[in-house]
Protein backbone atom coordinates (compact mmCIF):
# COMPACT_ATOMS: atom_id res chain seq x y z
CA ALA A 1 129.85 -148.89 128.90
CA CYS A 2 129.09 -151.22 131.81
CA PRO A 3 125.33 -151.85 132.11
CA ALA A 4 125.60 -152.77 135.81
CA CYS A 5 127.55 -149.58 136.54
CA ASN A 6 124.93 -147.57 134.69
CA MET A 7 122.19 -149.04 136.89
CA PHE A 8 124.34 -148.38 139.98
CA GLN A 9 124.99 -144.69 139.18
CA PRO A 10 122.06 -143.38 141.29
CA THR A 11 123.46 -145.29 144.28
CA MET A 12 126.92 -143.84 143.65
CA ARG A 13 125.50 -140.29 143.61
CA LYS A 14 123.73 -140.96 146.93
CA LEU A 15 126.87 -142.54 148.37
CA LYS A 16 128.99 -139.54 147.42
CA GLU A 17 126.54 -137.25 149.24
CA ALA A 18 126.42 -139.57 152.27
CA LEU A 19 130.17 -139.81 152.85
CA PRO A 20 131.71 -137.85 155.71
CA ALA A 21 134.14 -135.03 154.97
CA ASN A 22 137.17 -137.23 155.69
CA ALA A 23 136.25 -139.72 152.94
CA GLU A 24 136.83 -139.39 149.23
CA LEU A 25 135.04 -141.26 146.46
CA VAL A 26 137.43 -142.11 143.63
CA TYR A 27 136.31 -143.83 140.44
CA LEU A 28 138.62 -146.47 138.99
CA PRO A 29 137.30 -147.50 135.57
CA ALA A 30 137.79 -151.11 134.55
CA ALA A 31 138.78 -152.28 131.08
CA PHE A 32 138.38 -156.05 131.37
CA ARG A 33 135.39 -156.25 128.97
CA PRO A 34 136.71 -155.26 125.53
CA ASP A 35 133.61 -156.88 123.99
CA GLU A 36 131.62 -153.98 125.53
CA ASP A 37 134.23 -151.33 124.62
CA TRP A 38 135.38 -150.82 128.21
CA PRO A 39 139.03 -150.04 127.34
CA VAL A 40 137.94 -147.12 125.13
CA PHE A 41 135.69 -145.73 127.85
CA GLN A 42 138.45 -146.21 130.44
CA ARG A 43 140.73 -144.18 128.15
CA ALA A 44 138.03 -141.49 127.78
CA PHE A 45 137.54 -141.29 131.56
CA PHE A 46 141.24 -140.74 132.17
CA ALA A 47 141.47 -138.21 129.33
CA ALA A 48 138.60 -136.27 130.91
CA GLN A 49 140.39 -136.51 134.25
CA VAL A 50 143.64 -135.13 132.78
CA LEU A 51 141.66 -132.34 131.09
CA GLY A 52 139.91 -131.45 134.36
CA ILE A 53 136.38 -132.11 133.09
CA VAL A 54 135.64 -135.53 134.55
CA ASP A 55 133.22 -134.18 137.19
CA LYS A 56 131.18 -132.44 134.49
CA SER A 57 131.39 -135.21 131.89
CA HIS A 58 130.99 -138.43 133.90
CA ASP A 59 127.18 -138.57 133.97
CA ALA A 60 126.98 -137.20 130.41
CA THR A 61 129.06 -140.13 129.19
CA PHE A 62 126.70 -142.62 130.83
CA ASP A 63 123.79 -140.76 129.20
CA ALA A 64 125.47 -140.87 125.79
CA VAL A 65 125.81 -144.65 126.08
CA TRP A 66 122.55 -145.61 127.80
CA LYS A 67 119.86 -143.01 127.08
CA PRO A 68 117.69 -143.65 124.00
CA ASP A 69 118.91 -140.47 122.33
CA GLY A 70 122.55 -141.11 123.27
CA THR A 71 125.24 -141.08 120.63
CA LEU A 72 127.57 -143.76 122.05
CA HIS A 73 125.40 -146.87 122.20
CA ILE A 74 127.31 -150.13 122.50
CA ASP A 75 124.37 -152.38 121.73
CA ASP A 76 121.45 -152.49 119.36
CA PRO A 77 118.36 -151.20 121.21
CA THR A 78 116.16 -153.88 119.63
CA THR A 79 118.33 -157.00 119.78
CA HIS A 80 120.57 -155.91 122.69
CA GLN A 81 123.49 -157.41 120.79
CA PRO A 82 126.80 -155.52 120.65
CA ILE A 83 127.02 -153.15 117.72
CA LYS A 84 129.83 -153.18 115.21
CA PRO A 85 131.80 -151.10 115.06
CA MET A 86 131.86 -150.01 118.69
CA PRO A 87 132.34 -146.32 119.49
CA THR A 88 135.91 -145.12 119.05
CA ILE A 89 137.83 -142.55 121.04
CA GLU A 90 137.12 -140.14 118.18
CA ASP A 91 133.37 -140.75 118.60
CA ILE A 92 133.63 -140.17 122.33
CA ALA A 93 135.66 -136.99 121.76
CA LYS A 94 132.65 -135.44 120.01
CA VAL A 95 130.61 -135.85 123.22
CA TYR A 96 133.29 -134.06 125.24
CA GLU A 97 133.21 -131.10 122.87
CA LYS A 98 130.23 -129.72 124.81
CA PHE A 99 132.60 -129.37 127.78
CA GLY A 100 134.87 -127.01 125.86
CA VAL A 101 137.41 -129.52 124.55
CA LYS A 102 138.12 -129.71 120.84
CA PRO A 103 137.83 -133.32 119.59
CA ALA A 104 141.40 -133.31 118.25
CA ASP A 105 142.70 -132.11 121.62
CA PHE A 106 140.68 -134.75 123.45
CA VAL A 107 142.01 -137.52 121.19
CA ALA A 108 145.59 -136.26 121.66
CA VAL A 109 145.24 -136.36 125.45
CA ALA A 110 143.47 -139.73 125.30
CA ASN A 111 146.43 -141.20 123.42
CA SER A 112 149.05 -139.54 125.60
CA PHE A 113 151.67 -141.18 127.79
CA ALA A 114 149.89 -139.83 130.88
CA VAL A 115 146.60 -141.55 129.99
CA ASN A 116 148.36 -144.77 128.95
CA THR A 117 150.09 -144.78 132.33
CA LYS A 118 146.83 -144.16 134.21
CA MET A 119 145.24 -147.07 132.34
CA LYS A 120 148.09 -149.46 133.18
CA ASN A 121 148.03 -148.36 136.81
CA ALA A 122 144.25 -148.80 137.00
CA ASP A 123 144.44 -152.30 135.54
CA ALA A 124 147.17 -153.23 138.04
CA GLN A 125 145.22 -151.74 140.94
CA LEU A 126 142.02 -153.57 139.97
CA LYS A 127 143.98 -156.81 139.80
CA ALA A 128 145.62 -156.16 143.17
CA TYR A 129 142.20 -155.50 144.73
CA GLY A 130 140.83 -158.71 143.23
CA VAL A 131 138.07 -156.90 141.32
CA ASP A 132 136.39 -159.37 139.00
CA SER A 133 133.01 -157.70 138.53
CA THR A 134 131.52 -154.26 138.44
CA PRO A 135 130.52 -152.25 140.22
CA THR A 136 132.88 -153.12 143.04
CA LEU A 137 133.65 -150.73 145.88
CA ILE A 138 136.92 -150.68 147.79
CA VAL A 139 137.04 -148.95 151.16
CA ASN A 140 140.42 -147.72 152.37
CA GLY A 141 142.22 -150.21 150.14
CA LYS A 142 141.22 -153.16 152.28
CA TYR A 143 137.49 -153.85 152.12
CA ARG A 144 136.00 -155.03 148.82
CA LEU A 145 132.24 -155.16 148.36
CA THR A 146 129.53 -155.35 145.75
CA ALA A 147 125.77 -154.90 146.05
CA GLN A 148 125.48 -158.68 146.15
CA SER A 149 128.04 -159.13 148.92
CA ALA A 150 126.42 -156.27 150.88
CA GLY A 151 123.08 -158.07 150.72
CA SER A 152 121.37 -155.64 148.33
CA VAL A 153 121.85 -152.28 146.67
CA ASP A 154 120.01 -150.67 149.58
CA LYS A 155 122.61 -151.96 152.04
CA VAL A 156 125.65 -150.62 150.16
CA ILE A 157 125.58 -147.08 151.54
CA PRO A 158 125.11 -148.04 155.21
CA LEU A 159 127.84 -150.66 154.88
CA VAL A 160 130.29 -148.21 153.29
CA GLN A 161 129.45 -145.62 155.94
CA PHE A 162 130.12 -148.20 158.65
CA LEU A 163 133.45 -149.20 157.09
CA VAL A 164 134.53 -145.57 156.66
CA ALA A 165 133.63 -144.83 160.29
CA SER A 166 135.56 -147.92 161.41
CA GLU A 167 138.61 -146.79 159.48
CA SER A 168 138.42 -143.15 160.64
């Protein structure tokens, strides 16, 4: 549900393609903006991960939130104010049905101990990395950067490639 992450998605797709074989891109969803429903979307991401559909569903979730015909809007398209109520995990489960998961099964996994643990671990990891805005990239657990700190969005990929090469 992060608008900045949505705008950054094309860069992330290009980055994933530009990484060498010895590098892995791992998403770590943040939940520190409950006013924009981030904890629910973090839960949905980890449920999709546990169910093995995250690669197929990741972009579709962004589309459901941000495309005009999406079903999971978090703000009013006219006023751009947050909607009430925000999408629930049950609402999100309906989107994942097109990936072969029954909504009830998705909700059960989303509320499972495994997903709760992944969420707590993600929150702790984000805190340990000092992430205070999104999107933030971490390279090899020791370099933290954003488009702003890189100088621009266009400089993110070359900088990450340089850092990966330096660490290889």
